[in-house]
């Protein structure tokens, strides 16, 4: 089975940003394959083919990429959206927990990228769209491990983009701010909580919950993903939503000392 439509593969498509992206890409004319670790627990998504995929498993990654190419004949766009959230002070997370977050958020992206690149390079075209975050360029107290994964994705994506551009392939970044996805409810709690951080951790939880409540709808991020997938002259970075755009601009123009002070104020941290 092949298709005349461009083919998009979206990881973490069972809900939130991934589901919104899968639907939006379908509306934009793509044949869409969405993945989840267990599609048996996922309600059908109209117009989207669902496949089981664990981005932390090499065999699973290569099997799914091969299956998509065999079934549809090509992969034109890969959206690396699957990820894990994690909160708590850095000292409160074990190295094993930090490694788990990196294995999904960073090495999952690397596995998927390595799996699709030979095919995209051979066909002379393709776009890999990595879902970063405003936390890929600003600090995140009480989310240090998660922010570190997004900083890593920023550096990896921009570097690989320079390597593959001459082969017709682009590696692009979409940077959402707070998005109403249930992210905070599903984030991993620290596995070695310490009393010394308990009060500030509770404050962080309240700040995060309020920010998520007022955050963007997933469709806002999906719109940026479609733009990255379809723009004739794509940008390296796409901020998703007004807050993300504003934060990006402030990071560039506000003096470091003033920006640092604002981060502490927003997170209700003592001077």
Protein backbone atom coordinates (compact mmCIF):
# COMPACT_ATOMS: atom_id res chain seq x y z
CA UNK A 1 0.00 0.00 0.00
CA UNK A 2 1.32 3.41 -0.98
CA UNK A 3 -0.22 6.87 -0.97
CA UNK A 4 -0.03 9.93 -3.16
CA UNK A 5 -0.32 12.14 -0.10
CA UNK A 6 2.71 13.21 1.96
CA UNK A 7 3.16 11.01 5.01
CA UNK A 8 3.56 12.29 8.57
CA UNK A 9 4.58 10.16 11.55
CA UNK A 10 3.66 11.66 14.94
CA UNK A 11 4.92 10.16 18.20
CA UNK A 12 2.90 10.49 21.39
CA UNK A 13 -0.32 11.03 19.44
CA UNK A 14 -2.79 9.58 21.93
CA UNK A 15 -3.68 12.92 23.52
CA UNK A 16 -2.72 16.55 23.97
CA UNK A 17 -0.33 18.16 21.51
CA UNK A 18 0.35 14.92 19.63
CA UNK A 19 -3.33 14.21 18.99
CA UNK A 20 -3.99 17.81 17.95
CA UNK A 21 -0.99 17.69 15.61
CA UNK A 22 -2.13 14.42 14.04
CA UNK A 23 -5.59 15.83 13.35
CA UNK A 24 -4.23 19.14 12.01
CA UNK A 25 -1.76 17.42 9.70
CA UNK A 26 -4.56 15.23 8.38
CA UNK A 27 -6.62 18.34 7.64
CA UNK A 28 -3.58 19.81 5.88
CA UNK A 29 -3.52 16.87 3.45
CA UNK A 30 -1.13 14.43 5.09
CA UNK A 31 -1.50 10.71 5.52
CA UNK A 32 -0.96 10.54 9.28
CA UNK A 33 0.41 7.73 11.41
CA UNK A 34 0.19 8.37 15.13
CA UNK A 35 1.92 6.34 17.80
CA UNK A 36 1.40 5.52 21.45
CA UNK A 37 3.00 2.99 23.79
CA UNK A 38 -0.28 1.07 23.96
CA UNK A 39 -2.82 1.93 21.28
CA UNK A 40 -5.26 -0.62 22.73
CA UNK A 41 -5.99 1.99 25.40
CA UNK A 42 -6.40 4.84 22.89
CA UNK A 43 -9.72 5.82 21.37
CA UNK A 44 -9.64 5.80 17.53
CA UNK A 45 -8.62 9.11 15.97
CA UNK A 46 -10.46 9.87 12.75
CA UNK A 47 -8.18 9.74 9.73
CA UNK A 48 -5.15 8.62 11.75
CA UNK A 49 -3.49 5.19 11.64
CA UNK A 50 -2.38 4.25 15.16
CA UNK A 51 0.65 2.06 15.87
CA UNK A 52 2.31 0.90 19.08
CA UNK A 53 5.70 2.51 19.65
CA UNK A 54 8.06 2.90 22.60
CA UNK A 55 10.60 5.59 21.73
CA UNK A 56 12.85 4.27 24.51
CA UNK A 57 13.21 0.92 22.74
CA UNK A 58 15.52 0.62 19.73
CA UNK A 59 13.77 -2.40 18.27
CA UNK A 60 10.35 -0.78 18.57
CA UNK A 61 11.56 2.39 16.85
CA UNK A 62 13.12 0.60 13.89
CA UNK A 63 10.17 -1.77 13.53
CA UNK A 64 7.62 1.05 13.34
CA UNK A 65 9.66 3.21 10.96
CA UNK A 66 10.15 0.19 8.70
CA UNK A 67 6.47 -0.68 8.87
CA UNK A 68 5.42 2.85 7.89
CA UNK A 69 7.81 2.94 4.94
CA UNK A 70 6.71 -0.51 3.77
CA UNK A 71 3.02 0.30 4.09
CA UNK A 72 2.93 3.88 2.81
CA UNK A 73 6.08 4.05 0.70
CA UNK A 74 7.60 7.11 2.36
CA UNK A 75 7.93 9.35 5.41
CA UNK A 76 7.91 13.07 4.67
CA UNK A 77 7.48 14.49 8.17
CA UNK A 78 8.41 13.13 11.58
CA UNK A 79 6.98 14.93 14.61
CA UNK A 80 8.91 13.97 17.74
CA UNK A 81 6.33 14.77 20.38
CA UNK A 82 6.46 11.84 22.82
CA UNK A 83 7.87 12.89 26.17
CA UNK A 84 7.86 12.64 29.94
CA UNK A 85 7.35 15.45 32.43
CA UNK A 86 9.18 15.60 35.75
CA UNK A 87 9.02 18.02 38.65
CA UNK A 88 10.74 18.54 41.99
CA UNK A 89 14.06 19.95 43.10
CA UNK A 90 17.07 18.53 41.28
CA UNK A 91 18.43 17.02 44.51
CA UNK A 92 15.16 15.11 44.99
CA UNK A 93 15.43 13.00 41.84
CA UNK A 94 17.62 9.93 41.65
CA UNK A 95 20.04 9.58 38.77
CA UNK A 96 17.92 6.66 37.55
CA UNK A 97 14.86 8.90 37.38
CA UNK A 98 16.78 11.60 35.52
CA UNK A 99 18.06 8.96 33.11
CA UNK A 100 14.51 7.80 32.44
CA UNK A 101 13.43 11.34 31.50
CA UNK A 102 16.45 11.73 29.22
CA UNK A 103 15.90 8.30 27.68
CA UNK A 104 12.45 9.32 26.47
CA UNK A 105 12.78 13.07 25.88
CA UNK A 106 16.26 13.16 24.37
CA UNK A 107 17.34 9.69 23.32
CA UNK A 108 13.82 8.97 22.06
CA UNK A 109 14.22 11.90 19.68
CA UNK A 110 17.70 10.71 18.72
CA UNK A 111 16.48 7.15 18.08
CA UNK A 112 13.63 8.35 15.88
CA UNK A 113 15.89 10.78 14.01
CA UNK A 114 18.51 8.11 13.28
CA UNK A 115 15.78 5.73 12.11
CA UNK A 116 14.20 8.09 9.56
CA UNK A 117 17.25 9.99 8.31
CA UNK A 118 18.58 7.35 5.88
CA UNK A 119 15.15 7.17 4.21
CA UNK A 120 14.67 10.94 4.05
CA UNK A 121 18.19 11.48 2.76
CA UNK A 122 17.67 8.83 0.06
CA UNK A 123 14.43 10.43 -1.10
CA UNK A 124 16.06 13.89 -1.01
CA UNK A 125 13.46 15.48 1.23
CA UNK A 126 11.95 15.38 4.67
CA UNK A 127 11.32 17.36 7.82
CA UNK A 128 11.94 16.31 11.39
CA UNK A 129 9.98 18.51 13.79
CA UNK A 130 11.05 18.29 17.41
CA UNK A 131 8.72 19.55 20.13
CA UNK A 132 10.86 21.65 22.41
CA UNK A 133 9.53 24.21 24.89
CA UNK A 134 10.17 27.70 26.20
CA UNK A 135 12.01 25.67 28.86
CA UNK A 136 14.52 24.91 26.13
CA UNK A 137 15.84 28.46 26.42
CA UNK A 138 14.83 29.66 29.91
CA UNK A 139 15.59 28.14 33.34
CA UNK A 140 12.94 26.14 35.19
CA UNK A 141 13.41 25.89 38.95
CA UNK A 142 11.88 22.66 40.27
CA UNK A 143 11.90 21.24 36.74
CA UNK A 144 15.65 21.16 36.15
CA UNK A 145 15.78 17.66 34.68
CA UNK A 146 12.94 18.31 32.26
CA UNK A 147 14.35 21.70 31.24
CA UNK A 148 17.72 20.05 30.65
CA UNK A 149 16.14 17.64 28.16
CA UNK A 150 14.60 20.52 26.22
CA UNK A 151 17.88 22.46 26.22
CA UNK A 152 19.52 19.31 24.85
CA UNK A 153 16.91 18.99 22.09
CA UNK A 154 17.55 22.60 21.07
CA UNK A 155 21.27 22.00 20.62
CA UNK A 156 20.86 18.61 18.95
CA UNK A 157 18.23 19.82 16.49
CA UNK A 158 20.08 22.92 15.34
CA UNK A 159 23.32 20.98 14.93
CA UNK A 160 21.77 18.12 12.94
CA UNK A 161 19.86 20.60 10.78
CA UNK A 162 23.18 21.98 9.53
CA UNK A 163 24.38 18.46 8.71
CA UNK A 164 21.38 17.33 6.67
CA UNK A 165 20.17 20.51 4.98
CA UNK A 166 22.25 19.86 1.86
CA UNK A 167 20.42 16.53 1.46
CA UNK A 168 16.99 18.19 1.34
CA UNK A 169 16.17 17.40 4.99
CA UNK A 170 15.39 19.94 7.71
CA UNK A 171 15.34 19.54 11.48
CA UNK A 172 13.03 22.13 13.03
CA UNK A 173 11.89 23.12 16.51
CA UNK A 174 8.45 24.01 17.84
CA UNK A 175 8.51 25.82 21.18
CA UNK A 176 5.23 25.84 23.14
CA UNK A 177 4.70 27.63 26.43
CA UNK A 178 2.15 26.36 28.95
CA UNK A 179 -0.40 24.18 27.14
CA UNK A 180 -3.59 22.68 28.51
CA UNK A 181 -2.71 19.01 28.19
CA UNK A 182 -2.75 17.60 31.71
CA UNK A 183 1.05 17.73 31.61
CA UNK A 184 1.44 18.74 35.26
CA UNK A 185 -0.90 15.98 36.45
CA UNK A 186 1.12 13.33 34.60
CA UNK A 187 4.60 14.62 35.48
CA UNK A 188 6.79 12.27 37.51
CA UNK A 189 7.12 13.22 41.17
CA UNK A 190 10.60 13.13 42.73
CA UNK A 191 11.53 9.67 43.94
CA UNK A 192 13.65 10.90 46.86
CA UNK A 193 11.65 13.88 48.21
CA UNK A 194 13.37 16.00 50.85
CA UNK A 195 11.63 18.01 53.54
CA UNK A 196 13.89 20.99 52.98
CA UNK A 197 12.29 21.52 49.54
CA UNK A 198 8.71 20.55 50.46
CA UNK A 199 7.32 24.06 50.99
CA UNK A 200 8.78 25.48 47.79
CA UNK A 201 7.74 22.40 45.84
CA UNK A 202 4.13 22.98 46.89
CA UNK A 203 4.41 26.61 45.80
CA UNK A 204 5.79 25.44 42.46
CA UNK A 205 2.89 23.00 42.04
CA UNK A 206 0.38 25.84 42.59
CA UNK A 207 2.21 28.17 40.20
CA UNK A 208 2.35 25.46 37.54
CA UNK A 209 -1.33 24.54 37.94
CA UNK A 210 -2.38 28.18 37.53
CA UNK A 211 -0.15 28.61 34.47
CA UNK A 212 -1.49 25.45 32.83
CA UNK A 213 -5.08 26.48 33.52
CA UNK A 214 -4.50 29.71 31.58
CA UNK A 215 -2.33 28.03 28.94
CA UNK A 216 -2.84 27.61 25.21
CA UNK A 217 -5.02 24.93 23.69
CA UNK A 218 -3.09 22.09 21.99
CA UNK A 219 -4.50 23.32 18.65
CA UNK A 220 -2.28 26.41 18.97
CA UNK A 221 0.81 24.21 19.03
CA UNK A 222 -0.60 22.02 16.26
CA UNK A 223 -0.90 25.11 14.04
CA UNK A 224 2.81 25.82 14.50
CA UNK A 225 3.63 22.18 13.73
CA UNK A 226 1.67 22.32 10.47
CA UNK A 227 3.49 25.53 9.54
CA UNK A 228 6.84 23.85 10.19
CA UNK A 229 5.74 20.89 8.07
CA UNK A 230 4.46 22.91 5.12
CA UNK A 231 6.22 26.31 4.91
CA UNK A 232 8.13 26.60 1.64
CA UNK A 233 10.99 28.30 3.47
CA UNK A 234 10.79 26.90 7.01
CA UNK A 235 12.24 28.63 10.05
CA UNK A 236 14.52 26.75 12.41
CA UNK A 237 12.33 27.70 15.40
CA UNK A 238 8.58 28.21 15.66
CA UNK A 239 7.21 29.64 18.89
CA UNK A 240 3.67 28.41 19.53
CA UNK A 241 1.30 30.99 20.96
CA UNK A 242 1.64 34.56 22.18
CA UNK A 243 3.21 33.68 25.54
CA UNK A 244 5.97 31.63 23.93
CA UNK A 245 6.67 34.43 21.47
CA UNK A 246 6.81 37.00 24.24
CA UNK A 247 9.12 34.90 26.42
CA UNK A 248 11.43 34.27 23.48
CA UNK A 249 11.68 37.99 22.75
CA UNK A 250 12.26 38.88 26.41
CA UNK A 251 15.02 36.32 26.71
CA UNK A 252 16.83 37.99 23.81
CA UNK A 253 16.49 41.62 24.88
CA UNK A 254 16.19 41.75 28.67
CA UNK A 255 19.48 42.07 30.60
CA UNK A 256 20.52 38.86 32.34
CA UNK A 257 20.22 40.27 35.86
CA UNK A 258 16.69 41.55 35.23
CA UNK A 259 15.63 38.28 33.60
CA UNK A 260 17.04 36.31 36.54
CA UNK A 261 15.06 38.48 38.97
CA UNK A 262 11.86 37.93 37.01
CA UNK A 263 12.33 34.15 37.02
CA UNK A 264 12.61 34.22 40.80
CA UNK A 265 9.57 36.46 41.14
CA UNK A 266 7.40 34.29 38.87
CA UNK A 267 8.37 31.19 40.82
CA UNK A 268 7.94 32.91 44.19
CA UNK A 269 11.56 32.26 45.15
CA UNK A 270 13.24 34.32 47.86
CA UNK A 271 15.78 36.93 46.76
